[in-house]
Amino acid sequence: MKRLIVIMLIFCCGIVTLWAQNKPKEPFSPEEFRAKQEAYLTQKAKLTKEEAVKFFFLYNELQDKKRDLTRKAWKSIKKGNDDKTTEAEYEQIISDVLDSRINCDQLEKEYFFKFKKIISNEKIYKIQKAEMHFHRELLKGMKEKDQPHKK
């Protein structure tokens, strides 16, 4: 009987260990995301250390402001999930989302002029291009993790 209990205990521990190893890796933290993005953009735009420090201070400030606007837009969008939402409320939701997009674009333009004081237009262009590639690769990587390997 003791032998059976020991075998069952070892078996259970083995299953828990295997389960823990196969547990999907959690997505990286916002800090890890920023670090990877900064390294990628710095390399693609060939920023100096001094340029990178100054640029990413402003860049991250811009991203935080844009994220706040996007969160407000999503908060408005969620109001439309209620079956009792009126036409006037839908109109307000749409207006809020459009205003958020316009404000994001205005912020982009405002920060473009701030970026120009730190780095050249060529480097700004390279950063914008690299940013699109970075996000595309990130999404591609997430998609590949979600799909089982085809053989």
C-alpha atoms as a PDB file:
ATOM      1  CA  MET A   1       0.000   0.000   0.000  1.00  0.00           C
ATOM      2  CA  LYS A   2       2.820   2.422   0.897  1.00  0.00           C
ATOM      3  CA  ARG A   3       4.519   1.579  -2.361  1.00  0.00           C
ATOM      4  CA  LEU A   4       1.348   2.460  -4.302  1.00  0.00           C
ATOM      5  CA  ILE A   5       1.080   5.819  -2.505  1.00  0.00           C
ATOM      6  CA  VAL A   6       4.725   6.618  -3.271  1.00  0.00           C
ATOM      7  CA  ILE A   7       4.237   5.708  -6.942  1.00  0.00           C
ATOM      8  CA  MET A   8       1.068   7.855  -7.136  1.00  0.00           C
ATOM      9  CA  LEU A   9       2.872  10.768  -5.488  1.00  0.00           C
ATOM     10  CA  ILE A  10       5.796  10.537  -7.939  1.00  0.00           C
ATOM     11  CA  PHE A  11       3.339  10.283 -10.832  1.00  0.00           C
ATOM     12  CA  CYS A  12       1.444  13.397  -9.682  1.00  0.00           C
ATOM     13  CA  CYS A  13       4.667  15.371  -9.225  1.00  0.00           C
ATOM     14  CA  GLY A  14       5.772  14.354 -12.713  1.00  0.00           C
ATOM     15  CA  ILE A  15       2.509  15.536 -14.250  1.00  0.00           C
ATOM     16  CA  VAL A  16       2.699  18.870 -12.418  1.00  0.00           C
ATOM     17  CA  THR A  17       6.311  19.319 -13.600  1.00  0.00           C
ATOM     18  CA  LEU A  18       5.399  18.541 -17.214  1.00  0.00           C
ATOM     19  CA  TRP A  19       2.399  20.862 -17.055  1.00  0.00           C
ATOM     20  CA  ALA A  20       4.554  23.676 -15.704  1.00  0.00           C
ATOM     21  CA  GLN A  21       7.101  23.205 -18.507  1.00  0.00           C
ATOM     22  CA  ASN A  22       4.420  23.280 -21.218  1.00  0.00           C
ATOM     23  CA  LYS A  23       2.694  26.312 -19.762  1.00  0.00           C
ATOM     24  CA  PRO A  24       2.746  29.081 -22.367  1.00  0.00           C
ATOM     25  CA  LYS A  25       5.186  31.868 -21.689  1.00  0.00           C
ATOM     26  CA  GLU A  26       3.514  35.062 -20.601  1.00  0.00           C
ATOM     27  CA  PRO A  27       3.885  38.003 -22.966  1.00  0.00           C
ATOM     28  CA  PHE A  28       6.656  40.335 -22.014  1.00  0.00           C
ATOM     29  CA  SER A  29       6.052  43.265 -19.723  1.00  0.00           C
ATOM     30  CA  PRO A  30       5.637  46.850 -20.954  1.00  0.00           C
ATOM     31  CA  GLU A  31       9.189  47.528 -19.800  1.00  0.00           C
ATOM     32  CA  GLU A  32      10.526  44.602 -21.840  1.00  0.00           C
ATOM     33  CA  PHE A  33       8.482  45.745 -24.842  1.00  0.00           C
ATOM     34  CA  ARG A  34       9.935  49.244 -24.608  1.00  0.00           C
ATOM     35  CA  ALA A  35      13.469  47.948 -24.193  1.00  0.00           C
ATOM     36  CA  LYS A  36      13.171  45.692 -27.256  1.00  0.00           C
ATOM     37  CA  GLN A  37      11.520  48.448 -29.266  1.00  0.00           C
ATOM     38  CA  GLU A  38      14.160  51.011 -28.287  1.00  0.00           C
ATOM     39  CA  ALA A  39      16.988  48.645 -29.199  1.00  0.00           C
ATOM     40  CA  TYR A  40      15.373  47.826 -32.537  1.00  0.00           C
ATOM     41  CA  LEU A  41      14.619  51.453 -33.466  1.00  0.00           C
ATOM     42  CA  THR A  42      18.023  52.661 -32.295  1.00  0.00           C
ATOM     43  CA  GLN A  43      19.774  50.073 -34.448  1.00  0.00           C
ATOM     44  CA  LYS A  44      17.598  50.650 -37.545  1.00  0.00           C
ATOM     45  CA  ALA A  45      17.879  54.448 -37.399  1.00  0.00           C
ATOM     46  CA  LYS A  46      21.531  54.307 -36.326  1.00  0.00           C
ATOM     47  CA  LEU A  47      20.988  56.635 -33.381  1.00  0.00           C
ATOM     48  CA  THR A  48      23.945  57.605 -31.241  1.00  0.00           C
ATOM     49  CA  LYS A  49      23.673  56.963 -27.493  1.00  0.00           C
ATOM     50  CA  GLU A  50      23.114  60.659 -26.875  1.00  0.00           C
ATOM     51  CA  GLU A  51      20.424  60.882 -29.566  1.00  0.00           C
ATOM     52  CA  ALA A  52      18.711  57.747 -28.276  1.00  0.00           C
ATOM     53  CA  VAL A  53      18.512  59.030 -24.697  1.00  0.00           C
ATOM     54  CA  LYS A  54      16.996  62.367 -25.747  1.00  0.00           C
ATOM     55  CA  PHE A  55      14.772  60.896 -28.435  1.00  0.00           C
ATOM     56  CA  PHE A  56      13.275  58.053 -26.388  1.00  0.00           C
ATOM     57  CA  PHE A  57      12.466  60.347 -23.500  1.00  0.00           C
ATOM     58  CA  LEU A  58      10.156  62.257 -25.869  1.00  0.00           C
ATOM     59  CA  TYR A  59       9.080  59.182 -27.815  1.00  0.00           C
ATOM     60  CA  ASN A  60       7.917  57.392 -24.673  1.00  0.00           C
ATOM     61  CA  GLU A  61       6.154  60.529 -23.507  1.00  0.00           C
ATOM     62  CA  LEU A  62       4.279  60.598 -26.837  1.00  0.00           C
ATOM     63  CA  GLN A  63       3.417  56.900 -26.634  1.00  0.00           C
ATOM     64  CA  ASP A  64       2.031  57.351 -23.105  1.00  0.00           C
ATOM     65  CA  LYS A  65      -0.186  60.232 -24.230  1.00  0.00           C
ATOM     66  CA  LYS A  66      -1.413  58.270 -27.244  1.00  0.00           C
ATOM     67  CA  ARG A  67      -2.125  55.251 -25.038  1.00  0.00           C
ATOM     68  CA  ASP A  68      -4.231  57.431 -22.714  1.00  0.00           C
ATOM     69  CA  LEU A  69      -6.247  58.716 -25.674  1.00  0.00           C
ATOM     70  CA  THR A  70      -6.732  55.193 -26.987  1.00  0.00           C
ATOM     71  CA  ARG A  71      -7.908  53.969 -23.576  1.00  0.00           C
ATOM     72  CA  LYS A  72     -10.483  56.755 -23.462  1.00  0.00           C
ATOM     73  CA  ALA A  73     -11.690  55.764 -26.924  1.00  0.00           C
ATOM     74  CA  TRP A  74     -12.019  52.108 -25.876  1.00  0.00           C
ATOM     75  CA  LYS A  75     -13.897  53.191 -22.765  1.00  0.00           C
ATOM     76  CA  SER A  76     -16.369  55.008 -25.023  1.00  0.00           C
ATOM     77  CA  ILE A  77     -16.613  52.013 -27.362  1.00  0.00           C
ATOM     78  CA  LYS A  78     -17.494  49.724 -24.456  1.00  0.00           C
ATOM     79  CA  LYS A  79     -20.514  51.911 -23.705  1.00  0.00           C
ATOM     80  CA  GLY A  80     -21.947  50.771 -27.040  1.00  0.00           C
ATOM     81  CA  ASN A  81     -22.067  47.148 -25.879  1.00  0.00           C
ATOM     82  CA  ASP A  82     -25.248  47.845 -23.942  1.00  0.00           C
ATOM     83  CA  ASP A  83     -28.357  46.777 -25.870  1.00  0.00           C
ATOM     84  CA  LYS A  84     -30.117  49.906 -24.609  1.00  0.00           C
ATOM     85  CA  THR A  85     -27.654  52.296 -26.247  1.00  0.00           C
ATOM     86  CA  THR A  86     -29.527  55.046 -28.062  1.00  0.00           C
ATOM     87  CA  GLU A  87     -28.738  56.568 -31.463  1.00  0.00           C
ATOM     88  CA  ALA A  88     -27.584  59.752 -29.735  1.00  0.00           C
ATOM     89  CA  GLU A  89     -25.222  57.731 -27.514  1.00  0.00           C
ATOM     90  CA  TYR A  90     -23.824  55.875 -30.549  1.00  0.00           C
ATOM     91  CA  GLU A  91     -23.234  59.217 -32.225  1.00  0.00           C
ATOM     92  CA  GLN A  92     -21.353  60.438 -29.135  1.00  0.00           C
ATOM     93  CA  ILE A  93     -19.261  57.238 -29.049  1.00  0.00           C
ATOM     94  CA  ILE A  94     -18.310  57.659 -32.710  1.00  0.00           C
ATOM     95  CA  SER A  95     -17.501  61.315 -32.118  1.00  0.00           C
ATOM     96  CA  ASP A  96     -15.311  60.435 -29.119  1.00  0.00           C
ATOM     97  CA  VAL A  97     -13.395  57.826 -31.131  1.00  0.00           C
ATOM     98  CA  LEU A  98     -12.870  60.209 -34.047  1.00  0.00           C
ATOM     99  CA  ASP A  99     -11.714  62.956 -31.675  1.00  0.00           C
ATOM    100  CA  SER A 100      -9.259  60.515 -30.117  1.00  0.00           C
ATOM    101  CA  ARG A 101      -7.806  59.662 -33.538  1.00  0.00           C
ATOM    102  CA  ILE A 102      -7.514  63.333 -34.466  1.00  0.00           C
ATOM    103  CA  ASN A 103      -5.829  64.110 -31.144  1.00  0.00           C
ATOM    104  CA  CYS A 104      -3.357  61.249 -31.685  1.00  0.00           C
ATOM    105  CA  ASP A 105      -2.496  62.622 -35.121  1.00  0.00           C
ATOM    106  CA  GLN A 106      -2.083  66.126 -33.696  1.00  0.00           C
ATOM    107  CA  LEU A 107       0.242  64.747 -31.020  1.00  0.00           C
ATOM    108  CA  GLU A 108       2.277  62.939 -33.696  1.00  0.00           C
ATOM    109  CA  LYS A 109       2.746  66.203 -35.571  1.00  0.00           C
ATOM    110  CA  GLU A 110       3.564  68.151 -32.404  1.00  0.00           C
ATOM    111  CA  TYR A 111       6.215  65.620 -31.413  1.00  0.00           C
ATOM    112  CA  PHE A 112       7.624  65.502 -34.945  1.00  0.00           C
ATOM    113  CA  PHE A 113       8.777  69.096 -34.434  1.00  0.00           C
ATOM    114  CA  LYS A 114      10.271  68.180 -31.057  1.00  0.00           C
ATOM    115  CA  PHE A 115      12.072  65.185 -32.613  1.00  0.00           C
ATOM    116  CA  LYS A 116      13.532  67.442 -35.343  1.00  0.00           C
ATOM    117  CA  LYS A 117      15.409  69.357 -32.638  1.00  0.00           C
ATOM    118  CA  ILE A 118      17.183  66.126 -31.638  1.00  0.00           C
ATOM    119  CA  ILE A 119      17.634  64.055 -34.798  1.00  0.00           C
ATOM    120  CA  SER A 120      17.533  64.519 -38.566  1.00  0.00           C
ATOM    121  CA  ASN A 121      14.467  64.033 -40.748  1.00  0.00           C
ATOM    122  CA  GLU A 122      16.182  61.000 -42.255  1.00  0.00           C
ATOM    123  CA  LYS A 123      16.463  59.351 -38.837  1.00  0.00           C
ATOM    124  CA  ILE A 124      12.847  60.241 -38.007  1.00  0.00           C
ATOM    125  CA  TYR A 125      11.820  58.583 -41.257  1.00  0.00           C
ATOM    126  CA  LYS A 126      13.910  55.497 -40.470  1.00  0.00           C
ATOM    127  CA  ILE A 127      12.369  55.293 -37.010  1.00  0.00           C
ATOM    128  CA  GLN A 128       8.836  55.508 -38.418  1.00  0.00           C
ATOM    129  CA  LYS A 129       9.619  52.792 -40.941  1.00  0.00           C
ATOM    130  CA  ALA A 130      11.325  50.605 -38.320  1.00  0.00           C
ATOM    131  CA  GLU A 131       8.418  51.114 -35.928  1.00  0.00           C
ATOM    132  CA  MET A 132       6.002  49.667 -38.505  1.00  0.00           C
ATOM    133  CA  HIS A 133       8.324  46.717 -39.124  1.00  0.00           C
ATOM    134  CA  PHE A 134       8.750  46.134 -35.383  1.00  0.00           C
ATOM    135  CA  HIS A 135       4.999  45.978 -34.801  1.00  0.00           C
ATOM    136  CA  ARG A 136       4.485  43.766 -37.855  1.00  0.00           C
ATOM    137  CA  GLU A 137       7.158  41.326 -36.667  1.00  0.00           C
ATOM    138  CA  LEU A 138       5.720  41.354 -33.169  1.00  0.00           C
ATOM    139  CA  LEU A 139       2.248  40.522 -34.463  1.00  0.00           C
ATOM    140  CA  LYS A 140       3.659  37.865 -36.770  1.00  0.00           C
ATOM    141  CA  GLY A 141       5.459  36.284 -33.814  1.00  0.00           C
ATOM    142  CA  MET A 142       2.303  36.302 -31.708  1.00  0.00           C
ATOM    143  CA  LYS A 143       0.318  34.741 -34.544  1.00  0.00           C
ATOM    144  CA  GLU A 144       2.903  31.977 -34.953  1.00  0.00           C
ATOM    145  CA  LYS A 145       2.746  31.192 -31.219  1.00  0.00           C
ATOM    146  CA  ASP A 146      -1.038  30.863 -31.383  1.00  0.00           C
ATOM    147  CA  GLN A 147      -1.020  28.514 -34.373  1.00  0.00           C
ATOM    148  CA  PRO A 148       0.133  24.905 -34.088  1.00  0.00           C
ATOM    149  CA  HIS A 149       3.038  23.973 -36.324  1.00  0.00           C
ATOM    150  CA  LYS A 150       1.962  22.568 -39.656  1.00  0.00           C
ATOM    151  CA  LYS A 151       3.847  19.554 -40.916  1.00  0.00           C
END
